[in-house]
PDB file of N, CA and C in Angstrom:
ATOM      1  N   MET A   1    -199.254  88.819 -73.056  1.00  0.00           N
ATOM      2  CA  MET A   1    -198.877  90.025 -72.792  1.00  0.00           C
ATOM      3  C   MET A   1    -199.330  90.503 -71.335  1.00  0.00           C
ATOM      4  N   GLU A   2    -198.118  90.985 -70.990  1.00  0.00           N
ATOM      5  CA  GLU A   2    -197.995  91.518 -69.550  1.00  0.00           C
ATOM      6  C   GLU A   2    -198.931  92.570 -69.026  1.00  0.00           C
ATOM      7  N   LYS A   3    -199.852  92.835 -67.894  1.00  0.00           N
ATOM      8  CA  LYS A   3    -200.721  93.945 -67.621  1.00  0.00           C
ATOM      9  C   LYS A   3    -199.810  95.010 -66.990  1.00  0.00           C
ATOM     10  N   VAL A   4    -199.809  96.319 -67.428  1.00  0.00           N
ATOM     11  CA  VAL A   4    -198.980  97.152 -67.083  1.00  0.00           C
ATOM     12  C   VAL A   4    -200.087  98.262 -65.913  1.00  0.00           C
ATOM     13  N   ARG A   5    -199.392  98.055 -64.615  1.00  0.00           N
ATOM     14  CA  ARG A   5    -200.077  98.761 -63.624  1.00  0.00           C
ATOM     15  C   ARG A   5    -200.274 100.562 -63.903  1.00  0.00           C
ATOM     16  N   PHE A   6    -201.512 101.223 -63.425  1.00  0.00           N
ATOM     17  CA  PHE A   6    -201.174 102.628 -63.670  1.00  0.00           C
ATOM     18  C   PHE A   6    -199.832 103.364 -63.180  1.00  0.00           C
ATOM     19  N   GLY A   7    -199.388 102.911 -61.924  1.00  0.00           N
ATOM     20  CA  GLY A   7    -198.097 103.659 -61.748  1.00  0.00           C
ATOM     21  C   GLY A   7    -197.052 103.324 -62.715  1.00  0.00           C
ATOM     22  N   GLN A   8    -196.805 102.587 -63.516  1.00  0.00           N
ATOM     23  CA  GLN A   8    -196.116 102.364 -64.216  1.00  0.00           C
ATOM     24  C   GLN A   8    -196.229 102.690 -65.743  1.00  0.00           C
ATOM     25  N   TYR A   9    -197.386 102.728 -66.032  1.00  0.00           N
ATOM     26  CA  TYR A   9    -198.286 103.514 -66.998  1.00  0.00           C
ATOM     27  C   TYR A   9    -197.499 104.882 -67.014  1.00  0.00           C
ATOM     28  N   LEU A  10    -197.977 105.313 -65.696  1.00  0.00           N
ATOM     29  CA  LEU A  10    -197.328 107.081 -65.781  1.00  0.00           C
ATOM     30  C   LEU A  10    -195.872 107.463 -66.150  1.00  0.00           C
ATOM     31  N   ILE A  11    -195.428 106.193 -65.351  1.00  0.00           N
ATOM     32  CA  ILE A  11    -193.475 106.654 -65.502  1.00  0.00           C
ATOM     33  C   ILE A  11    -193.453 106.103 -66.873  1.00  0.00           C
ATOM     34  N   ASN A  12    -194.109 105.433 -67.665  1.00  0.00           N
ATOM     35  CA  ASN A  12    -193.476 104.675 -69.089  1.00  0.00           C
ATOM     36  C   ASN A  12    -193.982 105.999 -69.828  1.00  0.00           C
ATOM     37  N   SER A  13    -195.017 106.774 -69.297  1.00  0.00           N
ATOM     38  CA  SER A  13    -195.508 107.909 -70.368  1.00  0.00           C
ATOM     39  C   SER A  13    -194.922 109.406 -69.863  1.00  0.00           C
ATOM     40  N   GLY A  14    -193.908 109.034 -68.648  1.00  0.00           N
ATOM     41  CA  GLY A  14    -193.129 110.577 -68.595  1.00  0.00           C
ATOM     42  C   GLY A  14    -193.464 111.621 -67.553  1.00  0.00           C
ATOM     43  N   VAL A  15    -194.635 111.286 -67.004  1.00  0.00           N
ATOM     44  CA  VAL A  15    -196.033 112.052 -66.335  1.00  0.00           C
ATOM     45  C   VAL A  15    -195.021 112.244 -65.330  1.00  0.00           C
ATOM     46  N   VAL A  16    -194.640 110.886 -64.333  1.00  0.00           N
ATOM     47  CA  VAL A  16    -193.884 110.979 -62.999  1.00  0.00           C
ATOM     48  C   VAL A  16    -192.554 110.128 -63.134  1.00  0.00           C
ATOM     49  N   ASN A  17    -192.027 110.199 -62.250  1.00  0.00           N
ATOM     50  CA  ASN A  17    -191.148 109.233 -62.144  1.00  0.00           C
ATOM     51  C   ASN A  17    -191.007 107.908 -61.303  1.00  0.00           C
ATOM     52  N   GLU A  18    -190.055 107.130 -61.166  1.00  0.00           N
ATOM     53  CA  GLU A  18    -190.128 106.346 -60.013  1.00  0.00           C
ATOM     54  C   GLU A  18    -190.174 106.408 -58.558  1.00  0.00           C
ATOM     55  N   GLU A  19    -189.486 107.647 -58.173  1.00  0.00           N
ATOM     56  CA  GLU A  19    -189.423 107.991 -56.948  1.00  0.00           C
ATOM     57  C   GLU A  19    -190.998 108.545 -56.401  1.00  0.00           C
ATOM     58  N   ASP A  20    -191.487 109.699 -57.225  1.00  0.00           N
ATOM     59  CA  ASP A  20    -193.223 109.787 -57.128  1.00  0.00           C
ATOM     60  C   ASP A  20    -193.733 108.795 -56.802  1.00  0.00           C
ATOM     61  N   ILE A  21    -193.663 107.427 -57.631  1.00  0.00           N
ATOM     62  CA  ILE A  21    -194.455 106.691 -57.483  1.00  0.00           C
ATOM     63  C   ILE A  21    -194.479 106.036 -56.398  1.00  0.00           C
ATOM     64  N   LEU A  22    -193.150 105.483 -55.825  1.00  0.00           N
ATOM     65  CA  LEU A  22    -193.036 105.236 -54.742  1.00  0.00           C
ATOM     66  C   LEU A  22    -193.189 105.750 -53.355  1.00  0.00           C
ATOM     67  N   ASN A  23    -193.036 107.277 -53.414  1.00  0.00           N
ATOM     68  CA  ASN A  23    -193.611 107.813 -52.457  1.00  0.00           C
ATOM     69  C   ASN A  23    -195.056 107.939 -52.082  1.00  0.00           C
ATOM     70  N   ALA A  24    -195.551 108.051 -53.378  1.00  0.00           N
ATOM     71  CA  ALA A  24    -197.072 107.981 -53.658  1.00  0.00           C
ATOM     72  C   ALA A  24    -197.597 106.321 -53.004  1.00  0.00           C
ATOM     73  N   LEU A  25    -196.972 105.448 -53.095  1.00  0.00           N
ATOM     74  CA  LEU A  25    -197.630 104.207 -52.896  1.00  0.00           C
ATOM     75  C   LEU A  25    -197.134 103.955 -51.506  1.00  0.00           C
ATOM     76  N   ASN A  26    -196.013 104.532 -50.787  1.00  0.00           N
ATOM     77  CA  ASN A  26    -195.929 104.608 -49.383  1.00  0.00           C
ATOM     78  C   ASN A  26    -197.201 105.350 -48.608  1.00  0.00           C
ATOM     79  N   LEU A  27    -197.611 106.408 -49.424  1.00  0.00           N
ATOM     80  CA  LEU A  27    -198.580 107.245 -48.718  1.00  0.00           C
ATOM     81  C   LEU A  27    -199.694 106.369 -48.750  1.00  0.00           C
ATOM     82  N   GLN A  28    -200.196 105.747 -49.563  1.00  0.00           N
ATOM     83  CA  GLN A  28    -201.270 104.861 -50.315  1.00  0.00           C
ATOM     84  C   GLN A  28    -201.344 103.686 -48.955  1.00  0.00           C
ATOM     85  N   LEU A  29    -200.093 103.101 -48.593  1.00  0.00           N
ATOM     86  CA  LEU A  29    -199.975 102.016 -47.486  1.00  0.00           C
ATOM     87  C   LEU A  29    -200.372 102.734 -46.288  1.00  0.00           C
ATOM     88  N   GLN A  30    -199.978 103.768 -46.167  1.00  0.00           N
ATOM     89  CA  GLN A  30    -199.799 104.545 -44.568  1.00  0.00           C
ATOM     90  C   GLN A  30    -201.446 104.573 -44.549  1.00  0.00           C
ATOM     91  N   ARG A  31    -202.120 105.106 -45.377  1.00  0.00           N
ATOM     92  CA  ARG A  31    -203.534 105.586 -45.232  1.00  0.00           C
ATOM     93  C   ARG A  31    -204.648 104.483 -45.597  1.00  0.00           C
ATOM     94  N   ASN A  32    -204.025 103.064 -45.590  1.00  0.00           N
ATOM     95  CA  ASN A  32    -204.877 101.713 -45.612  1.00  0.00           C
ATOM     96  C   ASN A  32    -205.743 101.220 -44.474  1.00  0.00           C
ATOM     97  N   THR A  33    -206.572 101.379 -44.084  1.00  0.00           N
ATOM     98  CA  THR A  33    -207.433 101.414 -42.750  1.00  0.00           C
ATOM     99  C   THR A  33    -207.416  99.747 -42.865  1.00  0.00           C
ATOM    100  N   PRO A  34    -206.994  99.730 -41.472  1.00  0.00           N
ATOM    101  CA  PRO A  34    -206.222  98.024 -40.856  1.00  0.00           C
ATOM    102  C   PRO A  34    -207.828  97.115 -40.815  1.00  0.00           C
ATOM    103  N   ILE A  35    -207.792  96.093 -41.401  1.00  0.00           N
ATOM    104  CA  ILE A  35    -208.612  95.155 -41.829  1.00  0.00           C
ATOM    105  C   ILE A  35    -209.256  95.086 -40.297  1.00  0.00           C
ATOM    106  N   GLY A  36    -208.930  95.021 -39.143  1.00  0.00           N
ATOM    107  CA  GLY A  36    -209.401  94.998 -37.810  1.00  0.00           C
ATOM    108  C   GLY A  36    -210.355  96.081 -37.738  1.00  0.00           C
ATOM    109  N   LEU A  37    -209.914  97.125 -38.173  1.00  0.00           N
ATOM    110  CA  LEU A  37    -211.042  98.536 -37.943  1.00  0.00           C
ATOM    111  C   LEU A  37    -212.161  98.102 -39.109  1.00  0.00           C
ATOM    112  N   VAL A  38    -211.695  97.958 -40.180  1.00  0.00           N
ATOM    113  CA  VAL A  38    -212.894  97.681 -40.867  1.00  0.00           C
ATOM    114  C   VAL A  38    -214.020  96.512 -40.450  1.00  0.00           C
ATOM    115  N   ALA A  39    -213.480  95.714 -39.748  1.00  0.00           N
ATOM    116  CA  ALA A  39    -214.201  94.582 -39.300  1.00  0.00           C
ATOM    117  C   ALA A  39    -215.023  94.696 -38.081  1.00  0.00           C
ATOM    118  N   VAL A  40    -214.408  96.241 -37.488  1.00  0.00           N
ATOM    119  CA  VAL A  40    -215.285  96.417 -36.159  1.00  0.00           C
ATOM    120  C   VAL A  40    -216.602  97.352 -36.861  1.00  0.00           C
ATOM    121  N   GLU A  41    -216.135  98.178 -37.837  1.00  0.00           N
ATOM    122  CA  GLU A  41    -216.920  99.331 -38.148  1.00  0.00           C
ATOM    123  C   GLU A  41    -218.200  98.487 -38.796  1.00  0.00           C
ATOM    124  N   HIS A  42    -217.984  97.468 -39.124  1.00  0.00           N
ATOM    125  CA  HIS A  42    -219.118  96.602 -40.040  1.00  0.00           C
ATOM    126  C   HIS A  42    -219.524  95.468 -39.232  1.00  0.00           C
ATOM    127  N   ASN A  43    -219.466  95.938 -37.690  1.00  0.00           N
ATOM    128  CA  ASN A  43    -220.316  95.253 -36.623  1.00  0.00           C
ATOM    129  C   ASN A  43    -219.986  93.435 -37.266  1.00  0.00           C
ATOM    130  N   MET A  44    -218.592  92.755 -37.477  1.00  0.00           N
ATOM    131  CA  MET A  44    -217.909  91.777 -37.996  1.00  0.00           C
ATOM    132  C   MET A  44    -216.970  91.228 -36.919  1.00  0.00           C
ATOM    133  N   LEU A  45    -216.495  92.156 -36.050  1.00  0.00           N
ATOM    134  CA  LEU A  45    -215.826  91.322 -34.939  1.00  0.00           C
ATOM    135  C   LEU A  45    -216.294  92.595 -33.981  1.00  0.00           C
ATOM    136  N   THR A  46    -215.791  92.190 -32.645  1.00  0.00           N
ATOM    137  CA  THR A  46    -215.673  93.010 -31.508  1.00  0.00           C
ATOM    138  C   THR A  46    -214.183  93.552 -31.690  1.00  0.00           C
ATOM    139  N   VAL A  47    -214.049  94.806 -30.785  1.00  0.00           N
ATOM    140  CA  VAL A  47    -212.784  95.206 -30.191  1.00  0.00           C
ATOM    141  C   VAL A  47    -212.024  94.226 -29.570  1.00  0.00           C
ATOM    142  N   LYS A  48    -212.376  93.509 -28.615  1.00  0.00           N
ATOM    143  CA  LYS A  48    -211.775  92.499 -27.780  1.00  0.00           C
ATOM    144  C   LYS A  48    -211.311  91.351 -28.936  1.00  0.00           C
ATOM    145  N   GLN A  49    -212.313  90.835 -29.731  1.00  0.00           N
ATOM    146  CA  GLN A  49    -211.716  90.050 -30.644  1.00  0.00           C
ATOM    147  C   GLN A  49    -210.558  90.284 -31.762  1.00  0.00           C
ATOM    148  N   VAL A  50    -210.625  91.824 -31.858  1.00  0.00           N
ATOM    149  CA  VAL A  50    -209.354  92.304 -32.755  1.00  0.00           C
ATOM    150  C   VAL A  50    -208.259  91.836 -32.014  1.00  0.00           C
ATOM    151  N   PHE A  51    -208.459  92.558 -30.795  1.00  0.00           N
ATOM    152  CA  PHE A  51    -207.162  92.665 -30.031  1.00  0.00           C
ATOM    153  C   PHE A  51    -206.656  90.716 -29.955  1.00  0.00           C
ATOM    154  N   ASN A  52    -207.709  89.910 -29.559  1.00  0.00           N
ATOM    155  CA  ASN A  52    -207.382  88.479 -29.507  1.00  0.00           C
ATOM    156  C   ASN A  52    -206.628  87.885 -30.754  1.00  0.00           C
ATOM    157  N   ILE A  53    -206.611  88.826 -31.836  1.00  0.00           N
ATOM    158  CA  ILE A  53    -206.254  88.125 -33.349  1.00  0.00           C
ATOM    159  C   ILE A  53    -204.738  88.832 -33.128  1.00  0.00           C
ATOM    160  N   LEU A  54    -204.575  89.816 -32.914  1.00  0.00           N
ATOM    161  CA  LEU A  54    -203.314  90.653 -32.940  1.00  0.00           C
ATOM    162  C   LEU A  54    -202.563  90.017 -32.146  1.00  0.00           C
ATOM    163  N   ASN A  55    -202.946  89.718 -31.018  1.00  0.00           N
ATOM    164  CA  ASN A  55    -202.091  89.014 -30.045  1.00  0.00           C
ATOM    165  C   ASN A  55    -201.706  87.960 -30.519  1.00  0.00           C
ATOM    166  N   ALA A  56    -202.596  86.904 -31.326  1.00  0.00           N
ATOM    167  CA  ALA A  56    -202.099  85.516 -31.968  1.00  0.00           C
ATOM    168  C   ALA A  56    -201.203  86.022 -33.129  1.00  0.00           C
ATOM    169  N   GLN A  57    -201.281  87.189 -33.708  1.00  0.00           N
ATOM    170  CA  GLN A  57    -200.412  87.603 -34.666  1.00  0.00           C
ATOM    171  C   GLN A  57    -199.032  87.942 -34.596  1.00  0.00           C
ATOM    172  N   ASN A  58    -199.149  88.205 -33.296  1.00  0.00           N
ATOM    173  CA  ASN A  58    -197.505  88.625 -32.407  1.00  0.00           C
ATOM    174  C   ASN A  58    -196.583  87.197 -32.783  1.00  0.00           C
ATOM    175  N   ASN A  59    -197.179  86.278 -32.395  1.00  0.00           N
ATOM    176  CA  ASN A  59    -196.167  85.087 -32.315  1.00  0.00           C
ATOM    177  C   ASN A  59    -196.366  84.222 -33.798  1.00  0.00           C
ATOM    178  N   SER A  60    -196.698  84.831 -34.939  1.00  0.00           N
ATOM    179  CA  SER A  60    -197.359  83.718 -35.836  1.00  0.00           C
ATOM    180  C   SER A  60    -197.269  85.004 -37.375  1.00  0.00           C
ATOM    181  N   GLN A  61    -196.725  83.905 -38.311  1.00  0.00           N
ATOM    182  CA  GLN A  61    -196.489  84.807 -39.552  1.00  0.00           C
ATOM    183  C   GLN A  61    -197.688  84.781 -40.364  1.00  0.00           C
ATOM    184  N   LYS A  62    -198.611  84.571 -39.915  1.00  0.00           N
ATOM    185  CA  LYS A  62    -200.108  84.558 -40.216  1.00  0.00           C
ATOM    186  C   LYS A  62    -200.734  85.768 -40.686  1.00  0.00           C
ATOM    187  N   MET A  63    -201.380  85.958 -41.568  1.00  0.00           N
ATOM    188  CA  MET A  63    -202.159  87.418 -41.952  1.00  0.00           C
ATOM    189  C   MET A  63    -203.447  87.400 -41.106  1.00  0.00           C
ATOM    190  N   PHE A  64    -203.925  88.613 -40.553  1.00  0.00           N
ATOM    191  CA  PHE A  64    -205.154  88.554 -39.726  1.00  0.00           C
ATOM    192  C   PHE A  64    -206.337  87.925 -39.753  1.00  0.00           C
ATOM    193  N   GLY A  65    -206.434  87.734 -41.200  1.00  0.00           N
ATOM    194  CA  GLY A  65    -207.534  87.274 -41.748  1.00  0.00           C
ATOM    195  C   GLY A  65    -207.567  85.770 -41.567  1.00  0.00           C
ATOM    196  N   GLU A  66    -206.387  85.219 -41.339  1.00  0.00           N
ATOM    197  CA  GLU A  66    -206.172  83.671 -41.340  1.00  0.00           C
ATOM    198  C   GLU A  66    -206.422  83.347 -40.045  1.00  0.00           C
ATOM    199  N   ILE A  67    -206.214  84.076 -38.988  1.00  0.00           N
ATOM    200  CA  ILE A  67    -206.064  83.853 -37.881  1.00  0.00           C
ATOM    201  C   ILE A  67    -207.501  83.985 -37.219  1.00  0.00           C
ATOM    202  N   ALA A  68    -207.906  85.107 -37.515  1.00  0.00           N
ATOM    203  CA  ALA A  68    -209.886  85.197 -37.332  1.00  0.00           C
ATOM    204  C   ALA A  68    -210.142  83.847 -37.906  1.00  0.00           C
ATOM    205  N   VAL A  69    -210.167  83.502 -38.859  1.00  0.00           N
ATOM    206  CA  VAL A  69    -210.428  82.317 -39.262  1.00  0.00           C
ATOM    207  C   VAL A  69    -210.504  80.925 -38.422  1.00  0.00           C
ATOM    208  N   GLU A  70    -208.882  80.772 -37.875  1.00  0.00           N
ATOM    209  CA  GLU A  70    -208.707  79.738 -37.222  1.00  0.00           C
ATOM    210  C   GLU A  70    -209.028  79.957 -36.026  1.00  0.00           C
ATOM    211  N   LEU A  71    -209.725  80.896 -35.231  1.00  0.00           N
ATOM    212  CA  LEU A  71    -210.343  81.314 -34.328  1.00  0.00           C
ATOM    213  C   LEU A  71    -211.453  81.016 -34.229  1.00  0.00           C
ATOM    214  N   GLY A  72    -212.094  80.974 -35.515  1.00  0.00           N
ATOM    215  CA  GLY A  72    -213.744  80.796 -35.570  1.00  0.00           C
ATOM    216  C   GLY A  72    -214.446  82.054 -35.342  1.00  0.00           C
ATOM    217  N   TYR A  73    -213.613  83.420 -35.300  1.00  0.00           N
ATOM    218  CA  TYR A  73    -214.057  84.719 -35.843  1.00  0.00           C
ATOM    219  C   TYR A  73    -214.985  85.272 -36.978  1.00  0.00           C
ATOM    220  N   LEU A  74    -214.396  84.577 -38.263  1.00  0.00           N
ATOM    221  CA  LEU A  74    -214.866  84.872 -39.318  1.00  0.00           C
ATOM    222  C   LEU A  74    -214.659  83.534 -40.083  1.00  0.00           C
ATOM    223  N   SER A  75    -215.738  83.824 -41.464  1.00  0.00           N
ATOM    224  CA  SER A  75    -215.425  82.669 -41.980  1.00  0.00           C
ATOM    225  C   SER A  75    -214.592  83.158 -43.347  1.00  0.00           C
ATOM    226  N   LEU A  76    -214.249  82.392 -44.177  1.00  0.00           N
ATOM    227  CA  LEU A  76    -213.629  82.795 -45.341  1.00  0.00           C
ATOM    228  C   LEU A  76    -213.742  83.758 -46.107  1.00  0.00           C
ATOM    229  N   LYS A  77    -215.323  83.779 -46.232  1.00  0.00           N
ATOM    230  CA  LYS A  77    -216.127  84.682 -46.945  1.00  0.00           C
ATOM    231  C   LYS A  77    -216.077  86.012 -46.675  1.00  0.00           C
ATOM    232  N   GLU A  78    -216.379  85.983 -45.703  1.00  0.00           N
ATOM    233  CA  GLU A  78    -215.910  87.263 -44.665  1.00  0.00           C
ATOM    234  C   GLU A  78    -214.972  88.072 -44.536  1.00  0.00           C
ATOM    235  N   VAL A  79    -213.772  87.309 -44.442  1.00  0.00           N
ATOM    236  CA  VAL A  79    -212.647  87.928 -44.497  1.00  0.00           C
ATOM    237  C   VAL A  79    -212.280  88.236 -46.223  1.00  0.00           C
ATOM    238  N   HIS A  80    -213.047  87.499 -46.889  1.00  0.00           N
ATOM    239  CA  HIS A  80    -212.717  88.410 -48.456  1.00  0.00           C
ATOM    240  C   HIS A  80    -213.646  89.656 -48.378  1.00  0.00           C
ATOM    241  N   GLU A  81    -214.774  89.612 -47.814  1.00  0.00           N
ATOM    242  CA  GLU A  81    -215.627  91.062 -47.802  1.00  0.00           C
ATOM    243  C   GLU A  81    -214.925  91.860 -47.245  1.00  0.00           C
ATOM    244  N   LEU A  82    -214.366  91.651 -46.098  1.00  0.00           N
ATOM    245  CA  LEU A  82    -213.484  92.723 -45.162  1.00  0.00           C
ATOM    246  C   LEU A  82    -212.264  93.159 -46.218  1.00  0.00           C
ATOM    247  N   THR A  83    -211.818  92.416 -46.978  1.00  0.00           N
ATOM    248  CA  THR A  83    -210.275  92.981 -47.739  1.00  0.00           C
ATOM    249  C   THR A  83    -211.072  93.598 -48.516  1.00  0.00           C
ATOM    250  N   ALA A  84    -212.362  92.886 -49.410  1.00  0.00           N
ATOM    251  CA  ALA A  84    -212.602  93.952 -50.676  1.00  0.00           C
ATOM    252  C   ALA A  84    -213.165  95.274 -49.957  1.00  0.00           C
ATOM    253  N   ILE A  85    -213.878  95.690 -49.027  1.00  0.00           N
ATOM    254  CA  ILE A  85    -214.190  96.927 -48.441  1.00  0.00           C
ATOM    255  C   ILE A  85    -212.949  97.876 -47.852  1.00  0.00           C
ATOM    256  N   GLN A  86    -211.898  97.075 -47.440  1.00  0.00           N
ATOM    257  CA  GLN A  86    -210.752  97.761 -47.048  1.00  0.00           C
ATOM    258  C   GLN A  86    -210.242  98.366 -48.402  1.00  0.00           C
ATOM    259  N   LYS A  87    -210.071  97.503 -49.206  1.00  0.00           N
ATOM    260  CA  LYS A  87    -209.292  97.934 -50.782  1.00  0.00           C
ATOM    261  C   LYS A  87    -210.088  98.908 -51.322  1.00  0.00           C
ATOM    262  N   SER A  88    -211.375  98.892 -51.102  1.00  0.00           N
ATOM    263  CA  SER A  88    -212.322 100.134 -51.510  1.00  0.00           C
ATOM    264  C   SER A  88    -211.888 101.308 -50.774  1.00  0.00           C
ATOM    265  N   LYS A  89    -211.444 101.454 -49.684  1.00  0.00           N
ATOM    266  CA  LYS A  89    -211.418 102.310 -48.704  1.00  0.00           C
ATOM    267  C   LYS A  89    -209.930 103.179 -48.968  1.00  0.00           C
ATOM    268  N   ARG A  90    -209.301 102.453 -49.958  1.00  0.00           N
ATOM    269  CA  ARG A  90    -207.738 102.790 -49.950  1.00  0.00           C
ATOM    270  C   ARG A  90    -207.781 104.296 -51.096  1.00  0.00           C
ATOM    271  N   PRO A  91    -207.210 105.223 -50.663  1.00  0.00           N
ATOM    272  CA  PRO A  91    -207.395 106.169 -51.627  1.00  0.00           C
ATOM    273  C   PRO A  91    -206.505 105.993 -53.060  1.00  0.00           C
ATOM    274  N   TYR A  92    -206.994 106.366 -54.144  1.00  0.00           N
ATOM    275  CA  TYR A  92    -206.000 105.863 -55.462  1.00  0.00           C
ATOM    276  C   TYR A  92    -205.216 106.804 -55.397  1.00  0.00           C
ATOM    277  N   LEU A  93    -204.052 106.094 -56.264  1.00  0.00           N
ATOM    278  CA  LEU A  93    -202.840 106.535 -56.462  1.00  0.00           C
ATOM    279  C   LEU A  93    -202.801 107.643 -57.176  1.00  0.00           C
ATOM    280  N   GLY A  94    -203.483 108.007 -58.091  1.00  0.00           N
ATOM    281  CA  GLY A  94    -203.684 109.129 -58.685  1.00  0.00           C
ATOM    282  C   GLY A  94    -204.073 110.379 -58.220  1.00  0.00           C
ATOM    283  N   VAL A  95    -204.893 110.202 -57.182  1.00  0.00           N
ATOM    284  CA  VAL A  95    -205.367 111.350 -56.063  1.00  0.00           C
ATOM    285  C   VAL A  95    -204.153 111.641 -55.068  1.00  0.00           C
ATOM    286  N   ILE A  96    -203.700 110.559 -54.870  1.00  0.00           N
ATOM    287  CA  ILE A  96    -202.508 110.831 -54.194  1.00  0.00           C
ATOM    288  C   ILE A  96    -201.445 111.820 -54.773  1.00  0.00           C
ATOM    289  N   LEU A  97    -201.067 111.425 -55.769  1.00  0.00           N
ATOM    290  CA  LEU A  97    -200.065 112.173 -56.893  1.00  0.00           C
ATOM    291  C   LEU A  97    -200.767 113.309 -56.940  1.00  0.00           C
ATOM    292  N   MET A  98    -202.015 113.438 -57.216  1.00  0.00           N
ATOM    293  CA  MET A  98    -202.683 114.944 -57.095  1.00  0.00           C
ATOM    294  C   MET A  98    -202.075 115.821 -55.668  1.00  0.00           C
ATOM    295  N   GLU A  99    -202.227 115.246 -54.977  1.00  0.00           N
ATOM    296  CA  GLU A  99    -202.419 115.608 -53.225  1.00  0.00           C
ATOM    297  C   GLU A  99    -200.741 116.242 -53.378  1.00  0.00           C
ATOM    298  N   MET A 100    -200.084 115.181 -53.655  1.00  0.00           N
ATOM    299  CA  MET A 100    -198.368 115.696 -53.621  1.00  0.00           C
ATOM    300  C   MET A 100    -198.009 116.728 -54.674  1.00  0.00           C
ATOM    301  N   GLY A 101    -198.719 117.130 -55.484  1.00  0.00           N
ATOM    302  CA  GLY A 101    -198.444 118.425 -56.418  1.00  0.00           C
ATOM    303  C   GLY A 101    -197.909 117.673 -57.830  1.00  0.00           C
ATOM    304  N   LYS A 102    -197.674 116.107 -58.012  1.00  0.00           N
ATOM    305  CA  LYS A 102    -196.911 115.782 -58.497  1.00  0.00           C
ATOM    306  C   LYS A 102    -197.592 115.527 -60.138  1.00  0.00           C
ATOM    307  N   ILE A 103    -198.977 115.462 -60.403  1.00  0.00           N
ATOM    308  CA  ILE A 103    -199.903 115.967 -61.221  1.00  0.00           C
ATOM    309  C   ILE A 103    -201.363 116.667 -61.073  1.00  0.00           C
ATOM    310  N   SER A 104    -201.501 117.066 -62.342  1.00  0.00           N
ATOM    311  CA  SER A 104    -203.105 117.663 -62.160  1.00  0.00           C
ATOM    312  C   SER A 104    -204.196 116.969 -62.412  1.00  0.00           C
ATOM    313  N   LYS A 105    -205.411 117.390 -62.219  1.00  0.00           N
ATOM    314  CA  LYS A 105    -206.665 116.622 -62.152  1.00  0.00           C
ATOM    315  C   LYS A 105    -206.283 116.483 -63.601  1.00  0.00           C
ATOM    316  N   GLU A 106    -206.530 117.642 -64.658  1.00  0.00           N
ATOM    317  CA  GLU A 106    -206.513 117.187 -65.859  1.00  0.00           C
ATOM    318  C   GLU A 106    -205.630 116.101 -66.511  1.00  0.00           C
ATOM    319  N   THR A 107    -204.333 116.495 -66.120  1.00  0.00           N
ATOM    320  CA  THR A 107    -203.612 115.375 -66.686  1.00  0.00           C
ATOM    321  C   THR A 107    -203.816 113.755 -65.753  1.00  0.00           C
ATOM    322  N   LEU A 108    -204.445 113.547 -64.826  1.00  0.00           N
ATOM    323  CA  LEU A 108    -205.083 112.540 -64.397  1.00  0.00           C
ATOM    324  C   LEU A 108    -205.975 112.117 -65.109  1.00  0.00           C
ATOM    325  N   GLU A 109    -207.160 112.687 -65.294  1.00  0.00           N
ATOM    326  CA  GLU A 109    -208.202 112.337 -66.262  1.00  0.00           C
ATOM    327  C   GLU A 109    -207.612 111.810 -67.374  1.00  0.00           C
ATOM    328  N   THR A 110    -206.729 112.890 -68.178  1.00  0.00           N
ATOM    329  CA  THR A 110    -206.254 112.141 -69.427  1.00  0.00           C
ATOM    330  C   THR A 110    -205.524 110.900 -69.306  1.00  0.00           C
ATOM    331  N   MET A 111    -204.708 110.733 -68.607  1.00  0.00           N
ATOM    332  CA  MET A 111    -203.857 109.487 -68.348  1.00  0.00           C
ATOM    333  C   MET A 111    -204.868 108.405 -68.133  1.00  0.00           C
ATOM    334  N   LEU A 112    -205.802 108.593 -67.271  1.00  0.00           N
ATOM    335  CA  LEU A 112    -206.529 107.460 -66.996  1.00  0.00           C
ATOM    336  C   LEU A 112    -207.388 107.164 -68.085  1.00  0.00           C
ATOM    337  N   ASP A 113    -208.119 108.125 -69.087  1.00  0.00           N
ATOM    338  CA  ASP A 113    -208.829 107.676 -70.244  1.00  0.00           C
ATOM    339  C   ASP A 113    -207.537 107.022 -71.096  1.00  0.00           C
ATOM    340  N   GLU A 114    -206.423 107.315 -71.198  1.00  0.00           N
ATOM    341  CA  GLU A 114    -205.846 106.725 -72.294  1.00  0.00           C
ATOM    342  C   GLU A 114    -205.409 105.259 -71.687  1.00  0.00           C
ATOM    343  N   PHE A 115    -204.989 105.289 -70.141  1.00  0.00           N
ATOM    344  CA  PHE A 115    -204.785 103.785 -69.574  1.00  0.00           C
ATOM    345  C   PHE A 115    -205.487 102.862 -69.957  1.00  0.00           C
ATOM    346  N   HIS A 116    -207.007 103.406 -69.214  1.00  0.00           N
ATOM    347  CA  HIS A 116    -208.085 102.442 -69.526  1.00  0.00           C
ATOM    348  C   HIS A 116    -208.426 101.961 -71.181  1.00  0.00           C
ATOM    349  N   GLY A 117    -207.980 102.863 -72.095  1.00  0.00           N
ATOM    350  CA  GLY A 117    -208.384 102.626 -73.234  1.00  0.00           C
ATOM    351  C   GLY A 117    -207.535 101.493 -73.996  1.00  0.00           C
ATOM    352  N   GLN A 118    -206.613 101.490 -73.646  1.00  0.00           N
ATOM    353  CA  GLN A 118    -205.358 100.614 -73.698  1.00  0.00           C
ATOM    354  C   GLN A 118    -205.369  99.124 -73.272  1.00  0.00           C
ATOM    355  N   ASN A 119    -205.806  99.214 -72.071  1.00  0.00           N
ATOM    356  CA  ASN A 119    -206.184  98.164 -71.134  1.00  0.00           C
ATOM    357  C   ASN A 119    -207.570  97.513 -70.939  1.00  0.00           C
TER     358      ASN A 119
END
């Protein structure tokens, strides 16, 4: 059985349309805290190290964390910790939809309850 994500669930339920979800996902992406900033905030990298990684990334297809590990700035475990922190800071899709005026708080709570009850 294929797992349905919350945005798709909202579309399937007729609460929002595909365009609403795409717009909300775009806003979510725009509000995502860069991993380098997360690393500096948690004293795992210096600003100079972040710039070294970003400069190396300009000439590469590799992800920030991959380069940080290659340069010896972070371990793979630390990269995983940072990505988990980064993900936890990302605003929830439902909250963004509420901010956009596409869904009320009450509807969001109802849909979340139904969604979690089915998954």
